[in-house]
């Protein structure tokens, strides 16, 4: 088991991050289907997050 300097389980933290990312992805999809957000809105959100984190945005 991996633990960081404060004794927290890194593997469980990673699993929680994956769960939260999948949850957010599903919520965004539902909002698109419901007409709350457009595809352009979702792409704009992805772009803003990618810039903030220094990664490449995904296309919706």
N, C-alpha and C. Protein backbone atom coordinates (compact mmCIF):
# COMPACT_ATOMS: atom_id res chain seq x y z
N UNK A 1 0.84 -1.17 0.00
CA UNK A 1 0.00 0.00 0.00
C UNK A 1 0.89 1.24 0.00
N UNK A 2 0.55 2.21 -0.84
CA UNK A 2 1.28 3.47 -0.89
C UNK A 2 0.66 4.45 0.09
N UNK A 3 1.48 5.18 0.80
CA UNK A 3 0.98 6.21 1.71
C UNK A 3 1.82 7.46 1.49
N UNK A 4 1.17 8.61 1.59
CA UNK A 4 1.93 9.85 1.46
C UNK A 4 2.47 10.27 2.82
N UNK A 5 3.06 11.44 2.92
CA UNK A 5 3.76 11.86 4.14
C UNK A 5 2.83 12.04 5.33
N UNK A 6 1.56 12.24 5.12
CA UNK A 6 0.63 12.38 6.25
C UNK A 6 -0.11 11.08 6.52
N UNK A 7 0.32 10.00 5.88
CA UNK A 7 -0.23 8.68 6.18
C UNK A 7 -1.51 8.34 5.44
N UNK A 8 -1.92 9.14 4.49
CA UNK A 8 -3.14 8.86 3.75
C UNK A 8 -2.86 7.85 2.64
N UNK A 9 -3.82 7.05 2.34
CA UNK A 9 -3.69 6.03 1.32
C UNK A 9 -3.80 6.64 -0.07
N UNK A 10 -2.70 6.69 -0.81
CA UNK A 10 -2.68 7.32 -2.13
C UNK A 10 -3.58 6.58 -3.11
N UNK A 11 -3.65 5.26 -2.99
CA UNK A 11 -4.48 4.48 -3.91
C UNK A 11 -5.96 4.81 -3.72
N UNK A 12 -6.41 4.94 -2.50
CA UNK A 12 -7.82 5.27 -2.26
C UNK A 12 -8.13 6.70 -2.70
N UNK A 13 -7.16 7.60 -2.53
CA UNK A 13 -7.36 8.97 -3.01
C UNK A 13 -7.47 9.00 -4.53
N UNK A 14 -6.64 8.22 -5.20
CA UNK A 14 -6.69 8.14 -6.65
C UNK A 14 -8.04 7.57 -7.11
N UNK A 15 -8.52 6.54 -6.42
CA UNK A 15 -9.81 5.95 -6.76
C UNK A 15 -10.94 6.96 -6.56
N UNK A 16 -10.85 7.76 -5.49
CA UNK A 16 -11.86 8.77 -5.25
C UNK A 16 -11.84 9.84 -6.34
N UNK A 17 -10.66 10.26 -6.78
CA UNK A 17 -10.56 11.24 -7.86
C UNK A 17 -11.16 10.69 -9.15
N UNK A 18 -10.90 9.43 -9.46
CA UNK A 18 -11.48 8.81 -10.65
C UNK A 18 -13.00 8.77 -10.55
N UNK A 19 -13.51 8.44 -9.36
CA UNK A 19 -14.96 8.41 -9.15
C UNK A 19 -15.56 9.79 -9.36
N UNK A 20 -14.94 10.81 -8.77
CA UNK A 20 -15.46 12.17 -8.90
C UNK A 20 -15.40 12.65 -10.35
N UNK A 21 -14.35 12.31 -11.06
CA UNK A 21 -14.24 12.70 -12.47
C UNK A 21 -15.33 12.03 -13.30
N UNK A 22 -15.59 10.75 -13.04
CA UNK A 22 -16.64 10.04 -13.77
C UNK A 22 -18.01 10.60 -13.42
N UNK A 23 -18.21 10.94 -12.17
CA UNK A 23 -19.47 11.53 -11.73
C UNK A 23 -19.72 12.87 -12.43
N UNK A 24 -18.69 13.70 -12.46
CA UNK A 24 -18.81 14.99 -13.13
C UNK A 24 -19.08 14.82 -14.62
N UNK A 25 -18.40 13.87 -15.24
CA UNK A 25 -18.60 13.59 -16.66
C UNK A 25 -20.05 13.20 -16.93
N UNK A 26 -20.58 12.33 -16.08
CA UNK A 26 -21.98 11.89 -16.26
C UNK A 26 -22.95 13.04 -16.04
N UNK A 27 -22.70 13.88 -15.05
CA UNK A 27 -23.56 15.05 -14.82
C UNK A 27 -23.55 16.00 -16.01
N UNK A 28 -22.37 16.21 -16.58
CA UNK A 28 -22.27 17.09 -17.74
C UNK A 28 -23.03 16.50 -18.93
N UNK A 29 -22.93 15.20 -19.11
CA UNK A 29 -23.68 14.55 -20.20
C UNK A 29 -25.19 14.70 -20.01
N UNK A 30 -25.65 14.48 -18.79
CA UNK A 30 -27.09 14.61 -18.49
C UNK A 30 -27.56 16.04 -18.72
N UNK A 31 -26.73 17.01 -18.35
CA UNK A 31 -27.10 18.40 -18.55
C UNK A 31 -27.19 18.74 -20.03
N UNK A 32 -26.34 18.12 -20.84
CA UNK A 32 -26.40 18.34 -22.29
C UNK A 32 -27.67 17.74 -22.86
N UNK A 33 -27.97 16.51 -22.46
CA UNK A 33 -29.17 15.83 -22.96
C UNK A 33 -30.43 16.58 -22.54
N UNK A 34 -30.43 17.13 -21.33
CA UNK A 34 -31.58 17.87 -20.82
C UNK A 34 -31.70 19.27 -21.42
N UNK A 35 -30.68 19.69 -22.16
CA UNK A 35 -30.73 21.01 -22.79
C UNK A 35 -30.28 22.13 -21.87
N UNK A 36 -29.72 21.80 -20.71
CA UNK A 36 -29.26 22.81 -19.78
C UNK A 36 -27.97 23.45 -20.30
N UNK A 37 -27.07 22.63 -20.86
CA UNK A 37 -25.83 23.10 -21.45
C UNK A 37 -25.77 22.64 -22.90
N UNK A 38 -25.23 23.47 -23.75
CA UNK A 38 -25.04 23.08 -25.14
C UNK A 38 -23.68 22.41 -25.30
N UNK A 39 -23.46 21.83 -26.45
CA UNK A 39 -22.16 21.23 -26.73
C UNK A 39 -21.07 22.31 -26.70
N UNK A 40 -21.39 23.49 -27.20
CA UNK A 40 -20.44 24.60 -27.17
C UNK A 40 -20.12 25.00 -25.73
N UNK A 41 -21.13 24.99 -24.85
CA UNK A 41 -20.90 25.29 -23.44
C UNK A 41 -19.94 24.28 -22.82
N UNK A 42 -20.17 22.99 -23.10
CA UNK A 42 -19.32 21.94 -22.55
C UNK A 42 -17.89 22.07 -23.06
N UNK A 43 -17.73 22.37 -24.35
CA UNK A 43 -16.39 22.57 -24.90
C UNK A 43 -15.70 23.77 -24.26
N UNK A 44 -16.46 24.81 -23.97
CA UNK A 44 -15.91 25.99 -23.32
C UNK A 44 -15.44 25.66 -21.90
N UNK A 45 -16.22 24.86 -21.18
CA UNK A 45 -15.83 24.43 -19.84
C UNK A 45 -14.56 23.60 -19.90
N UNK A 46 -14.51 22.66 -20.84
CA UNK A 46 -13.32 21.81 -21.00
C UNK A 46 -12.08 22.66 -21.31
N UNK A 47 -12.24 23.66 -22.16
CA UNK A 47 -11.13 24.53 -22.52
C UNK A 47 -10.62 25.29 -21.31
N UNK A 48 -11.53 25.83 -20.52
CA UNK A 48 -11.14 26.59 -19.33
C UNK A 48 -10.40 25.70 -18.33
N UNK A 49 -10.90 24.49 -18.13
CA UNK A 49 -10.27 23.57 -17.19
C UNK A 49 -8.89 23.15 -17.71
N UNK A 50 -8.79 22.87 -19.00
CA UNK A 50 -7.51 22.46 -19.58
C UNK A 50 -6.47 23.57 -19.44
N UNK A 51 -6.88 24.80 -19.65
CA UNK A 51 -5.95 25.93 -19.48
C UNK A 51 -5.52 26.05 -18.03
N UNK A 52 -6.45 25.86 -17.13
CA UNK A 52 -6.15 25.98 -15.70
C UNK A 52 -5.18 24.89 -15.24
N UNK A 53 -5.35 23.68 -15.77
CA UNK A 53 -4.53 22.55 -15.35
C UNK A 53 -3.33 22.30 -16.24
N UNK A 54 -3.27 22.98 -17.38
CA UNK A 54 -2.15 22.81 -18.28
C UNK A 54 -2.23 21.55 -19.13
N UNK A 55 -3.43 21.10 -19.41
CA UNK A 55 -3.61 19.90 -20.23
C UNK A 55 -4.32 20.21 -21.53
N UNK A 56 -4.69 19.15 -22.23
CA UNK A 56 -5.43 19.30 -23.48
C UNK A 56 -6.92 19.06 -23.22
N UNK A 57 -7.78 19.92 -23.75
CA UNK A 57 -9.22 19.74 -23.54
C UNK A 57 -9.77 18.57 -24.35
N UNK A 58 -10.79 17.94 -23.82
CA UNK A 58 -11.50 16.91 -24.57
C UNK A 58 -12.61 17.59 -25.37
N UNK A 59 -12.97 17.01 -26.48
CA UNK A 59 -14.09 17.54 -27.28
C UNK A 59 -15.37 16.84 -26.86
N UNK A 60 -16.42 17.63 -26.70
CA UNK A 60 -17.72 17.07 -26.41
C UNK A 60 -18.43 16.92 -27.72
